[in-house]
PDB file of N, CA and C in Angstrom:
ATOM      1  N   MET A   1     -30.530 -31.713   5.209  1.00  0.00           N
ATOM      2  CA  MET A   1     -29.202 -32.246   5.817  1.00  0.00           C
ATOM      3  C   MET A   1     -29.656 -30.934   7.195  1.00  0.00           C
ATOM      4  N   GLN A   2     -28.656 -31.842   8.035  1.00  0.00           N
ATOM      5  CA  GLN A   2     -28.816 -30.537   9.349  1.00  0.00           C
ATOM      6  C   GLN A   2     -27.613 -30.872   9.245  1.00  0.00           C
ATOM      7  N   ARG A   3     -27.091 -29.163  10.137  1.00  0.00           N
ATOM      8  CA  ARG A   3     -26.680 -28.406   9.677  1.00  0.00           C
ATOM      9  C   ARG A   3     -25.530 -28.175  11.341  1.00  0.00           C
ATOM     10  N   THR A   4     -23.794 -28.171  11.448  1.00  0.00           N
ATOM     11  CA  THR A   4     -23.719 -27.945  12.042  1.00  0.00           C
ATOM     12  C   THR A   4     -22.664 -27.124  12.454  1.00  0.00           C
ATOM     13  N   GLU A   5     -22.196 -26.524  13.779  1.00  0.00           N
ATOM     14  CA  GLU A   5     -21.342 -25.302  13.237  1.00  0.00           C
ATOM     15  C   GLU A   5     -19.994 -25.746  13.852  1.00  0.00           C
ATOM     16  N   ASN A   6     -19.370 -25.165  13.184  1.00  0.00           N
ATOM     17  CA  ASN A   6     -17.498 -25.645  14.202  1.00  0.00           C
ATOM     18  C   ASN A   6     -17.191 -24.231  14.660  1.00  0.00           C
ATOM     19  N   PHE A   7     -17.459 -24.152  16.498  1.00  0.00           N
ATOM     20  CA  PHE A   7     -16.820 -23.210  17.284  1.00  0.00           C
ATOM     21  C   PHE A   7     -15.401 -23.270  16.539  1.00  0.00           C
ATOM     22  N   GLY A   8     -14.444 -24.585  16.609  1.00  0.00           N
ATOM     23  CA  GLY A   8     -13.203 -24.225  16.776  1.00  0.00           C
ATOM     24  C   GLY A   8     -12.082 -23.859  15.381  1.00  0.00           C
ATOM     25  N   ALA A   9     -13.121 -24.538  14.115  1.00  0.00           N
ATOM     26  CA  ALA A   9     -12.939 -23.700  13.183  1.00  0.00           C
ATOM     27  C   ALA A   9     -12.160 -22.294  12.826  1.00  0.00           C
ATOM     28  N   PRO A  10     -11.545 -21.759  11.656  1.00  0.00           N
ATOM     29  CA  PRO A  10     -10.847 -20.404  12.012  1.00  0.00           C
ATOM     30  C   PRO A  10     -12.098 -20.063  11.028  1.00  0.00           C
ATOM     31  N   SER A  11     -12.424 -18.918  11.216  1.00  0.00           N
ATOM     32  CA  SER A  11     -13.074 -17.607  10.253  1.00  0.00           C
ATOM     33  C   SER A  11     -12.979 -17.657   8.752  1.00  0.00           C
ATOM     34  N   HIS A  12     -13.943 -17.545   7.851  1.00  0.00           N
ATOM     35  CA  HIS A  12     -13.354 -17.293   6.234  1.00  0.00           C
ATOM     36  C   HIS A  12     -12.265 -16.048   6.463  1.00  0.00           C
ATOM     37  N   CYS A  13     -13.082 -15.460   6.944  1.00  0.00           N
ATOM     38  CA  CYS A  13     -12.592 -13.424   7.274  1.00  0.00           C
ATOM     39  C   CYS A  13     -11.780 -13.612   8.527  1.00  0.00           C
ATOM     40  N   SER A  14     -10.710 -13.332   8.688  1.00  0.00           N
ATOM     41  CA  SER A  14      -9.968 -14.080  10.632  1.00  0.00           C
ATOM     42  C   SER A  14     -10.312 -11.591  10.012  1.00  0.00           C
ATOM     43  N   MET A  15      -9.438 -12.205  11.800  1.00  0.00           N
ATOM     44  CA  MET A  15      -9.495 -10.057  12.072  1.00  0.00           C
ATOM     45  C   MET A  15      -8.263  -9.234  10.986  1.00  0.00           C
ATOM     46  N   ASP A  16      -7.229  -9.802  10.569  1.00  0.00           N
ATOM     47  CA  ASP A  16      -6.374  -9.158  10.216  1.00  0.00           C
ATOM     48  C   ASP A  16      -6.918  -8.667   8.653  1.00  0.00           C
ATOM     49  N   ASP A  17      -7.763  -9.652   7.938  1.00  0.00           N
ATOM     50  CA  ASP A  17      -8.420  -9.404   7.113  1.00  0.00           C
ATOM     51  C   ASP A  17      -9.568  -8.222   7.079  1.00  0.00           C
ATOM     52  N   LYS A  18     -10.850  -8.211   8.369  1.00  0.00           N
ATOM     53  CA  LYS A  18     -11.354  -7.164   8.404  1.00  0.00           C
ATOM     54  C   LYS A  18     -10.470  -5.783   8.767  1.00  0.00           C
ATOM     55  N   ARG A  19      -9.576  -5.705   9.720  1.00  0.00           N
ATOM     56  CA  ARG A  19      -8.866  -4.518   9.691  1.00  0.00           C
ATOM     57  C   ARG A  19      -8.292  -4.264   8.515  1.00  0.00           C
ATOM     58  N   ARG A  20      -7.894  -5.066   7.237  1.00  0.00           N
ATOM     59  CA  ARG A  20      -7.539  -4.478   6.700  1.00  0.00           C
ATOM     60  C   ARG A  20      -8.381  -3.838   5.669  1.00  0.00           C
ATOM     61  N   THR A  21      -9.321  -4.258   5.526  1.00  0.00           N
ATOM     62  CA  THR A  21     -10.769  -4.065   4.760  1.00  0.00           C
ATOM     63  C   THR A  21     -11.023  -2.465   5.870  1.00  0.00           C
ATOM     64  N   ASP A  22     -11.727  -2.655   6.981  1.00  0.00           N
ATOM     65  CA  ASP A  22     -11.430  -1.281   7.540  1.00  0.00           C
ATOM     66  C   ASP A  22     -10.854  -0.036   6.656  1.00  0.00           C
ATOM     67  N   GLU A  23      -9.159  -0.662   6.600  1.00  0.00           N
ATOM     68  CA  GLU A  23      -8.003   0.587   6.788  1.00  0.00           C
ATOM     69  C   GLU A  23      -8.535   0.412   5.124  1.00  0.00           C
ATOM     70  N   ILE A  24      -8.717  -0.092   4.444  1.00  0.00           N
ATOM     71  CA  ILE A  24      -8.631   0.372   3.112  1.00  0.00           C
ATOM     72  C   ILE A  24      -9.961   1.217   2.480  1.00  0.00           C
ATOM     73  N   ALA A  25     -10.732   0.969   2.960  1.00  0.00           N
ATOM     74  CA  ALA A  25     -12.076   1.470   3.370  1.00  0.00           C
ATOM     75  C   ALA A  25     -11.504   3.028   3.731  1.00  0.00           C
ATOM     76  N   ALA A  26     -11.683   3.255   5.236  1.00  0.00           N
ATOM     77  CA  ALA A  26     -11.150   4.459   5.662  1.00  0.00           C
ATOM     78  C   ALA A  26     -10.245   5.483   4.337  1.00  0.00           C
ATOM     79  N   ALA A  27      -9.159   4.677   3.740  1.00  0.00           N
ATOM     80  CA  ALA A  27      -8.630   5.755   3.018  1.00  0.00           C
ATOM     81  C   ALA A  27      -9.072   5.499   1.588  1.00  0.00           C
ATOM     82  N   ARG A  28     -10.232   5.326   1.261  1.00  0.00           N
ATOM     83  CA  ARG A  28     -10.464   5.396   0.112  1.00  0.00           C
ATOM     84  C   ARG A  28     -11.464   6.431  -0.462  1.00  0.00           C
ATOM     85  N   ARG A  29     -12.392   6.915   1.349  1.00  0.00           N
ATOM     86  CA  ARG A  29     -13.655   7.797   2.040  1.00  0.00           C
ATOM     87  C   ARG A  29     -12.753   9.338   2.356  1.00  0.00           C
ATOM     88  N   GLU A  30     -10.988   8.703   2.737  1.00  0.00           N
ATOM     89  CA  GLU A  30     -10.045  10.469   2.378  1.00  0.00           C
ATOM     90  C   GLU A  30      -9.988  10.470   1.471  1.00  0.00           C
ATOM     91  N   ILE A  31      -9.415   9.624   0.645  1.00  0.00           N
ATOM     92  CA  ILE A  31      -8.514  10.379  -0.690  1.00  0.00           C
ATOM     93  C   ILE A  31     -10.319  10.849  -1.578  1.00  0.00           C
ATOM     94  N   ALA A  32     -11.679  10.015  -1.608  1.00  0.00           N
ATOM     95  CA  ALA A  32     -12.174  10.952  -2.414  1.00  0.00           C
ATOM     96  C   ALA A  32     -12.151  11.881  -2.184  1.00  0.00           C
ATOM     97  N   ARG A  33     -12.501  12.527  -0.924  1.00  0.00           N
ATOM     98  CA  ARG A  33     -12.953  13.450   0.321  1.00  0.00           C
ATOM     99  C   ARG A  33     -11.589  14.454  -0.948  1.00  0.00           C
ATOM    100  N   ARG A  34     -10.858  14.171  -0.469  1.00  0.00           N
ATOM    101  CA  ARG A  34      -9.943  14.940  -1.134  1.00  0.00           C
ATOM    102  C   ARG A  34      -9.790  15.611  -2.627  1.00  0.00           C
ATOM    103  N   ILE A  35      -9.904  14.295  -3.436  1.00  0.00           N
ATOM    104  CA  ILE A  35      -9.778  14.322  -4.566  1.00  0.00           C
ATOM    105  C   ILE A  35     -11.090  14.761  -6.002  1.00  0.00           C
ATOM    106  N   ALA A  36     -12.243  14.803  -4.896  1.00  0.00           N
ATOM    107  CA  ALA A  36     -13.100  14.475  -6.037  1.00  0.00           C
ATOM    108  C   ALA A  36     -13.204  15.912  -6.640  1.00  0.00           C
ATOM    109  N   ARG A  37     -13.365  16.803  -6.203  1.00  0.00           N
ATOM    110  CA  ARG A  37     -13.404  18.031  -7.488  1.00  0.00           C
ATOM    111  C   ARG A  37     -12.007  18.428  -8.267  1.00  0.00           C
ATOM    112  N   PHE A  38     -11.317  16.979  -8.414  1.00  0.00           N
ATOM    113  CA  PHE A  38     -10.095  17.544  -9.354  1.00  0.00           C
ATOM    114  C   PHE A  38     -10.253  17.093 -10.805  1.00  0.00           C
ATOM    115  N   CYS A  39     -11.342  15.763  -9.897  1.00  0.00           N
ATOM    116  CA  CYS A  39     -11.726  14.746 -10.806  1.00  0.00           C
ATOM    117  C   CYS A  39     -13.082  15.036 -11.741  1.00  0.00           C
ATOM    118  N   THR A  40     -14.024  15.391 -12.100  1.00  0.00           N
ATOM    119  CA  THR A  40     -14.914  15.774 -12.312  1.00  0.00           C
ATOM    120  C   THR A  40     -14.967  15.216 -14.091  1.00  0.00           C
ATOM    121  N   THR A  41     -14.427  14.773 -14.635  1.00  0.00           N
ATOM    122  CA  THR A  41     -14.097  14.163 -15.736  1.00  0.00           C
ATOM    123  C   THR A  41     -13.954  13.209 -16.601  1.00  0.00           C
ATOM    124  N   LEU A  42     -13.885  12.582 -14.733  1.00  0.00           N
ATOM    125  CA  LEU A  42     -13.648  11.028 -14.759  1.00  0.00           C
ATOM    126  C   LEU A  42     -15.102  10.578 -14.937  1.00  0.00           C
ATOM    127  N   SER A  43     -15.443   9.427 -15.152  1.00  0.00           N
ATOM    128  CA  SER A  43     -16.750   8.088 -15.101  1.00  0.00           C
ATOM    129  C   SER A  43     -16.545   7.763 -13.835  1.00  0.00           C
ATOM    130  N   GLU A  44     -17.578   7.332 -13.140  1.00  0.00           N
ATOM    131  CA  GLU A  44     -17.727   7.319 -11.661  1.00  0.00           C
ATOM    132  C   GLU A  44     -17.070   5.571 -11.817  1.00  0.00           C
ATOM    133  N   GLU A  45     -17.218   5.240 -12.948  1.00  0.00           N
ATOM    134  CA  GLU A  45     -15.932   3.901 -13.020  1.00  0.00           C
ATOM    135  C   GLU A  45     -14.853   4.062 -12.679  1.00  0.00           C
ATOM    136  N   GLU A  46     -14.660   5.298 -13.896  1.00  0.00           N
ATOM    137  CA  GLU A  46     -13.104   5.656 -13.614  1.00  0.00           C
ATOM    138  C   GLU A  46     -12.806   5.699 -12.273  1.00  0.00           C
ATOM    139  N   LEU A  47     -13.378   7.345 -11.744  1.00  0.00           N
ATOM    140  CA  LEU A  47     -13.097   7.315 -10.506  1.00  0.00           C
ATOM    141  C   LEU A  47     -13.223   6.097  -9.101  1.00  0.00           C
ATOM    142  N   ASN A  48     -13.938   5.360  -9.337  1.00  0.00           N
ATOM    143  CA  ASN A  48     -13.832   4.043  -8.291  1.00  0.00           C
ATOM    144  C   ASN A  48     -12.969   3.284  -8.662  1.00  0.00           C
ATOM    145  N   GLN A  49     -12.288   3.101 -10.377  1.00  0.00           N
ATOM    146  CA  GLN A  49     -11.267   2.039 -10.284  1.00  0.00           C
ATOM    147  C   GLN A  49      -9.907   2.996  -9.375  1.00  0.00           C
ATOM    148  N   LEU A  50      -9.703   4.767  -9.682  1.00  0.00           N
ATOM    149  CA  LEU A  50      -8.470   5.290  -9.420  1.00  0.00           C
ATOM    150  C   LEU A  50      -8.393   5.591  -8.150  1.00  0.00           C
ATOM    151  N   LEU A  51      -9.863   5.347  -7.446  1.00  0.00           N
ATOM    152  CA  LEU A  51     -10.124   5.358  -5.277  1.00  0.00           C
ATOM    153  C   LEU A  51      -9.190   3.803  -5.266  1.00  0.00           C
ATOM    154  N   ASP A  52      -9.374   2.876  -5.753  1.00  0.00           N
ATOM    155  CA  ASP A  52      -9.184   1.532  -5.180  1.00  0.00           C
ATOM    156  C   ASP A  52      -7.985   1.763  -5.236  1.00  0.00           C
ATOM    157  N   ARG A  53      -7.067   1.853  -6.841  1.00  0.00           N
ATOM    158  CA  ARG A  53      -5.705   1.486  -6.480  1.00  0.00           C
ATOM    159  C   ARG A  53      -5.339   2.774  -5.306  1.00  0.00           C
ATOM    160  N   MET A  54      -5.911   3.883  -5.332  1.00  0.00           N
ATOM    161  CA  MET A  54      -5.278   4.899  -4.596  1.00  0.00           C
ATOM    162  C   MET A  54      -5.216   3.942  -2.912  1.00  0.00           C
ATOM    163  N   ALA A  55      -6.188   3.651  -2.726  1.00  0.00           N
ATOM    164  CA  ALA A  55      -6.762   3.432  -1.366  1.00  0.00           C
ATOM    165  C   ALA A  55      -5.675   2.685  -1.319  1.00  0.00           C
ATOM    166  N   TYR A  56      -5.558   1.278  -1.767  1.00  0.00           N
ATOM    167  CA  TYR A  56      -4.295   0.489  -1.611  1.00  0.00           C
ATOM    168  C   TYR A  56      -3.067   0.458  -1.180  1.00  0.00           C
ATOM    169  N   VAL A  57      -2.938   1.330  -2.631  1.00  0.00           N
ATOM    170  CA  VAL A  57      -1.562   1.772  -2.274  1.00  0.00           C
ATOM    171  C   VAL A  57      -0.999   2.348  -0.919  1.00  0.00           C
ATOM    172  N   GLN A  58      -2.127   3.548  -0.398  1.00  0.00           N
ATOM    173  CA  GLN A  58      -1.987   4.000   0.725  1.00  0.00           C
ATOM    174  C   GLN A  58      -1.844   3.645   2.345  1.00  0.00           C
ATOM    175  N   TRP A  59      -2.408   2.380   2.061  1.00  0.00           N
ATOM    176  CA  TRP A  59      -2.567   1.075   3.285  1.00  0.00           C
ATOM    177  C   TRP A  59      -1.456   0.233   2.804  1.00  0.00           C
ATOM    178  N   LYS A  60      -1.572   0.012   1.460  1.00  0.00           N
ATOM    179  CA  LYS A  60       0.279  -0.828   1.565  1.00  0.00           C
ATOM    180  C   LYS A  60       1.311   0.086   2.567  1.00  0.00           C
ATOM    181  N   TYR A  61       1.167   0.978   1.979  1.00  0.00           N
ATOM    182  CA  TYR A  61       2.422   2.117   2.478  1.00  0.00           C
ATOM    183  C   TYR A  61       2.472   2.264   3.771  1.00  0.00           C
ATOM    184  N   ASP A  62       1.413   2.174   4.284  1.00  0.00           N
ATOM    185  CA  ASP A  62       1.115   3.170   5.618  1.00  0.00           C
ATOM    186  C   ASP A  62       1.111   1.135   6.565  1.00  0.00           C
ATOM    187  N   VAL A  63       1.002   0.456   6.722  1.00  0.00           N
ATOM    188  CA  VAL A  63       1.130  -0.964   6.530  1.00  0.00           C
ATOM    189  C   VAL A  63       2.879  -1.288   6.597  1.00  0.00           C
ATOM    190  N   ALA A  64       3.497  -1.247   5.467  1.00  0.00           N
ATOM    191  CA  ALA A  64       4.306  -1.888   4.899  1.00  0.00           C
ATOM    192  C   ALA A  64       5.331  -1.346   4.680  1.00  0.00           C
ATOM    193  N   PRO A  65       5.740   0.048   4.774  1.00  0.00           N
ATOM    194  CA  PRO A  65       6.744   0.776   4.055  1.00  0.00           C
ATOM    195  C   PRO A  65       7.765   0.783   3.406  1.00  0.00           C
ATOM    196  N   ILE A  66       7.878   1.262   2.762  1.00  0.00           N
ATOM    197  CA  ILE A  66       9.537   0.540   1.525  1.00  0.00           C
ATOM    198  C   ILE A  66      10.880   0.909   2.536  1.00  0.00           C
ATOM    199  N   VAL A  67      11.650  -0.365   2.608  1.00  0.00           N
ATOM    200  CA  VAL A  67      12.959  -0.597   2.812  1.00  0.00           C
ATOM    201  C   VAL A  67      13.830  -0.443   1.534  1.00  0.00           C
ATOM    202  N   VAL A  68      14.416   1.160   2.020  1.00  0.00           N
ATOM    203  CA  VAL A  68      15.654   0.913   1.274  1.00  0.00           C
ATOM    204  C   VAL A  68      16.759   0.598   1.927  1.00  0.00           C
ATOM    205  N   ASP A  69      17.397   0.089   0.678  1.00  0.00           N
ATOM    206  CA  ASP A  69      18.825  -0.480   0.868  1.00  0.00           C
ATOM    207  C   ASP A  69      19.862   0.074   1.119  1.00  0.00           C
ATOM    208  N   PRO A  70      20.720   0.183   1.455  1.00  0.00           N
ATOM    209  CA  PRO A  70      21.838   1.361   2.340  1.00  0.00           C
ATOM    210  C   PRO A  70      22.454   1.668   0.866  1.00  0.00           C
ATOM    211  N   PRO A  71      22.727   2.667   0.225  1.00  0.00           N
ATOM    212  CA  PRO A  71      23.629   2.916  -0.942  1.00  0.00           C
ATOM    213  C   PRO A  71      24.788   2.018  -0.948  1.00  0.00           C
ATOM    214  N   PRO A  72      25.099   1.811  -2.100  1.00  0.00           N
ATOM    215  CA  PRO A  72      26.664   1.126  -2.073  1.00  0.00           C
ATOM    216  C   PRO A  72      27.671   1.881  -1.832  1.00  0.00           C
ATOM    217  N   PRO A  73      29.030   1.144  -1.174  1.00  0.00           N
ATOM    218  CA  PRO A  73      29.917   1.732  -1.198  1.00  0.00           C
ATOM    219  C   PRO A  73      30.933   2.994  -1.609  1.00  0.00           C
ATOM    220  N   LEU A  74      30.875   4.268  -1.552  1.00  0.00           N
ATOM    221  CA  LEU A  74      31.866   4.801  -3.328  1.00  0.00           C
ATOM    222  C   LEU A  74      33.151   3.660  -3.236  1.00  0.00           C
ATOM    223  N   ARG A  75      32.670   4.565  -5.198  1.00  0.00           N
ATOM    224  CA  ARG A  75      34.447   3.671  -5.543  1.00  0.00           C
ATOM    225  C   ARG A  75      34.985   5.303  -5.855  1.00  0.00           C
ATOM    226  N   GLN A  76      36.795   4.317  -4.982  1.00  0.00           N
ATOM    227  CA  GLN A  76      37.763   5.469  -4.928  1.00  0.00           C
ATOM    228  C   GLN A  76      38.474   5.428  -6.333  1.00  0.00           C
ATOM    229  N   ALA A  77      38.799   6.440  -7.125  1.00  0.00           N
ATOM    230  CA  ALA A  77      39.510   6.550  -7.972  1.00  0.00           C
ATOM    231  C   ALA A  77      40.222   6.186  -7.581  1.00  0.00           C
ATOM    232  N   PRO A  78      40.596   5.299  -8.745  1.00  0.00           N
ATOM    233  CA  PRO A  78      42.371   4.862  -8.562  1.00  0.00           C
ATOM    234  C   PRO A  78      43.456   5.706  -8.815  1.00  0.00           C
ATOM    235  N   ARG A  79      44.404   5.661  -8.442  1.00  0.00           N
ATOM    236  CA  ARG A  79      45.281   6.459  -8.053  1.00  0.00           C
ATOM    237  C   ARG A  79      46.272   6.354  -9.412  1.00  0.00           C
ATOM    238  N   THR A  80      46.373   7.950  -9.529  1.00  0.00           N
ATOM    239  CA  THR A  80      47.138   7.617 -11.257  1.00  0.00           C
ATOM    240  C   THR A  80      48.788   8.134 -10.511  1.00  0.00           C
ATOM    241  N   LYS A  81      49.802   7.683 -11.381  1.00  0.00           N
ATOM    242  CA  LYS A  81      50.952   8.190 -11.446  1.00  0.00           C
ATOM    243  C   LYS A  81      51.287   9.173 -11.021  1.00  0.00           C
ATOM    244  N   GLY A  82      52.691   8.993 -10.178  1.00  0.00           N
ATOM    245  CA  GLY A  82      53.029  10.325  -9.934  1.00  0.00           C
ATOM    246  C   GLY A  82      52.029  10.784  -8.181  1.00  0.00           C
ATOM    247  N   TYR A  83      51.407  10.297  -8.258  1.00  0.00           N
ATOM    248  CA  TYR A  83      50.090  10.142  -7.268  1.00  0.00           C
ATOM    249  C   TYR A  83      50.833  10.642  -5.491  1.00  0.00           C
ATOM    250  N   THR A  84      50.776  11.326  -5.110  1.00  0.00           N
ATOM    251  CA  THR A  84      51.605  11.038  -2.977  1.00  0.00           C
ATOM    252  C   THR A  84      50.667  11.345  -2.025  1.00  0.00           C
ATOM    253  N   ASP A  85      50.616  10.510  -0.808  1.00  0.00           N
ATOM    254  CA  ASP A  85      49.874  11.326   0.214  1.00  0.00           C
ATOM    255  C   ASP A  85      50.799  11.968   0.744  1.00  0.00           C
TER     256      ASP A  85
END
């Protein structure tokens, strides 16, 4: 079997995926440094799951922060009889 290389074909791991992976790994290291002393009762597996989730959430909100819809306009109370301006 002959192996050919497709230089024009897109790679399996794009630059965005690599950047995402690097940013999540950096967030995970920073979170681990900060919370390690508070999570001594967690098993290694539980700590890793927690760190993975927290790092993903950190990355998610750094990259795509929540866009809050403006609040609905205030409803004015109906005027009562005898009310004058």
